[in-house]
């Protein structure tokens, strides 16, 4: 696949990485925030929290070739009502610091906690 094809296709891998890099540049939690591991109920999913000032972001990565579901459990001191995806704008309600997610094979999601 040529660069021209990747550049024109909004769903291409090139454009995906471009969006991820842009998120890192525009969200202080991602470029200067503190790192904390986050518990989830699935060994195939890696989750972590980045926090700076008032911004808190959870990143979830599916490490497998299969679709994965998990429940994310935030630390008790992280108060949250919802998690909004910075990639597809999906909003997930949180209850008692927990929310459930589904990730595509080798997928990634980036959630801003609100």
Protein backbone atom coordinates (compact mmCIF):
# COMPACT_ATOMS: atom_id res chain seq x y z
CA UNK A 1 0.00 0.00 0.00
CA UNK A 2 1.43 3.34 -1.01
CA UNK A 3 1.71 6.41 1.18
CA UNK A 4 -0.76 8.22 -1.08
CA UNK A 5 -3.38 5.51 -0.47
CA UNK A 6 -2.74 5.57 3.30
CA UNK A 7 -2.86 9.38 3.38
CA UNK A 8 -6.26 9.52 1.63
CA UNK A 9 -7.87 6.73 3.69
CA UNK A 10 -9.16 8.07 7.06
CA UNK A 11 -9.24 4.49 8.39
CA UNK A 12 -5.65 3.68 7.43
CA UNK A 13 -2.94 2.70 9.88
CA UNK A 14 -1.00 5.86 8.97
CA UNK A 15 -3.98 8.07 9.89
CA UNK A 16 -4.56 6.05 13.08
CA UNK A 17 -1.01 6.71 14.28
CA UNK A 18 -1.34 10.34 13.24
CA UNK A 19 -4.43 10.68 15.51
CA UNK A 20 -2.64 8.97 18.41
CA UNK A 21 0.37 11.30 18.07
CA UNK A 22 -1.95 14.32 17.93
CA UNK A 23 -3.66 13.18 21.15
CA UNK A 24 -0.30 13.01 22.89
CA UNK A 25 0.57 16.53 21.73
CA UNK A 26 -2.75 18.08 22.81
CA UNK A 27 -3.46 16.43 26.19
CA UNK A 28 -1.15 17.38 29.05
CA UNK A 29 -1.92 14.15 30.90
CA UNK A 30 -0.37 12.21 28.02
CA UNK A 31 2.78 14.27 27.53
CA UNK A 32 3.62 15.22 31.10
CA UNK A 33 1.24 13.36 33.38
CA UNK A 34 2.02 10.90 36.12
CA UNK A 35 1.73 7.22 35.24
CA UNK A 36 -0.31 4.73 37.30
CA UNK A 37 -1.19 1.16 36.46
CA UNK A 38 -4.93 0.45 36.44
CA UNK A 39 -6.50 -2.87 37.35
CA UNK A 40 -8.73 -4.61 34.83
CA UNK A 41 -10.26 -8.08 34.71
CA UNK A 42 -8.49 -9.39 31.60
CA UNK A 43 -4.86 -10.53 31.26
CA UNK A 44 -4.96 -9.73 27.53
CA UNK A 45 -5.68 -6.03 28.15
CA UNK A 46 -3.11 -3.53 29.46
CA UNK A 47 -4.55 -0.41 31.12
CA UNK A 48 -2.94 2.62 32.67
CA UNK A 49 -3.86 6.09 33.91
CA UNK A 50 -2.05 9.32 33.07
CA UNK A 51 -2.94 12.36 35.17
CA UNK A 52 -1.82 16.00 35.08
CA UNK A 53 -3.54 18.90 36.86
CA UNK A 54 -7.25 18.29 36.39
CA UNK A 55 -6.97 16.02 33.34
CA UNK A 56 -7.09 12.24 33.76
CA UNK A 57 -6.80 9.81 30.86
CA UNK A 58 -7.02 6.01 30.80
CA UNK A 59 -5.37 4.10 27.96
CA UNK A 60 -6.44 0.52 27.22
CA UNK A 61 -4.53 -1.76 24.84
CA UNK A 62 -5.66 -5.17 23.61
CA UNK A 63 -2.57 -7.36 23.38
CA UNK A 64 -4.31 -10.22 21.59
CA UNK A 65 -5.61 -11.10 18.14
CA UNK A 66 -9.13 -11.61 19.55
CA UNK A 67 -11.76 -9.04 20.54
CA UNK A 68 -11.56 -8.48 24.32
CA UNK A 69 -13.93 -7.18 26.98
CA UNK A 70 -12.94 -6.08 30.44
CA UNK A 71 -13.98 -4.02 33.42
CA UNK A 72 -11.60 -1.20 34.34
CA UNK A 73 -11.23 -0.50 38.08
CA UNK A 74 -9.86 2.95 38.87
CA UNK A 75 -7.95 3.74 42.07
CA UNK A 76 -10.25 4.88 44.93
CA UNK A 77 -8.93 8.45 44.82
CA UNK A 78 -9.94 8.88 41.15
CA UNK A 79 -13.52 10.14 41.08
CA UNK A 80 -15.26 9.77 37.75
CA UNK A 81 -18.81 9.85 36.33
CA UNK A 82 -17.97 8.80 32.79
CA UNK A 83 -15.18 7.97 30.36
CA UNK A 84 -15.23 9.66 26.93
CA UNK A 85 -13.23 8.09 24.13
CA UNK A 86 -10.86 10.57 22.51
CA UNK A 87 -10.73 8.37 19.39
CA UNK A 88 -14.40 7.75 18.58
CA UNK A 89 -16.22 10.04 21.10
CA UNK A 90 -18.10 7.12 22.72
CA UNK A 91 -19.15 7.93 26.30
CA UNK A 92 -19.24 5.16 28.90
CA UNK A 93 -20.90 5.67 32.28
CA UNK A 94 -18.80 4.78 35.30
CA UNK A 95 -20.11 3.35 38.55
CA UNK A 96 -18.01 3.40 41.73
CA UNK A 97 -14.84 3.97 39.69
CA UNK A 98 -15.56 1.06 37.33
CA UNK A 99 -16.47 0.96 33.67
CA UNK A 100 -16.59 -1.78 31.05
CA UNK A 101 -14.93 -1.63 27.65
CA UNK A 102 -14.60 -3.71 24.51
CA UNK A 103 -11.48 -3.61 22.35
CA UNK A 104 -10.98 -4.87 18.82
CA UNK A 105 -8.05 -7.23 18.12
CA UNK A 106 -4.80 -5.40 18.90
CA UNK A 107 -6.98 -2.32 19.44
CA UNK A 108 -6.39 0.71 21.60
CA UNK A 109 -8.74 3.14 23.30
CA UNK A 110 -7.97 6.42 25.01
CA UNK A 111 -10.55 7.67 27.52
CA UNK A 112 -10.75 11.10 29.13
CA UNK A 113 -12.28 10.72 32.58
CA UNK A 114 -15.06 13.18 33.38
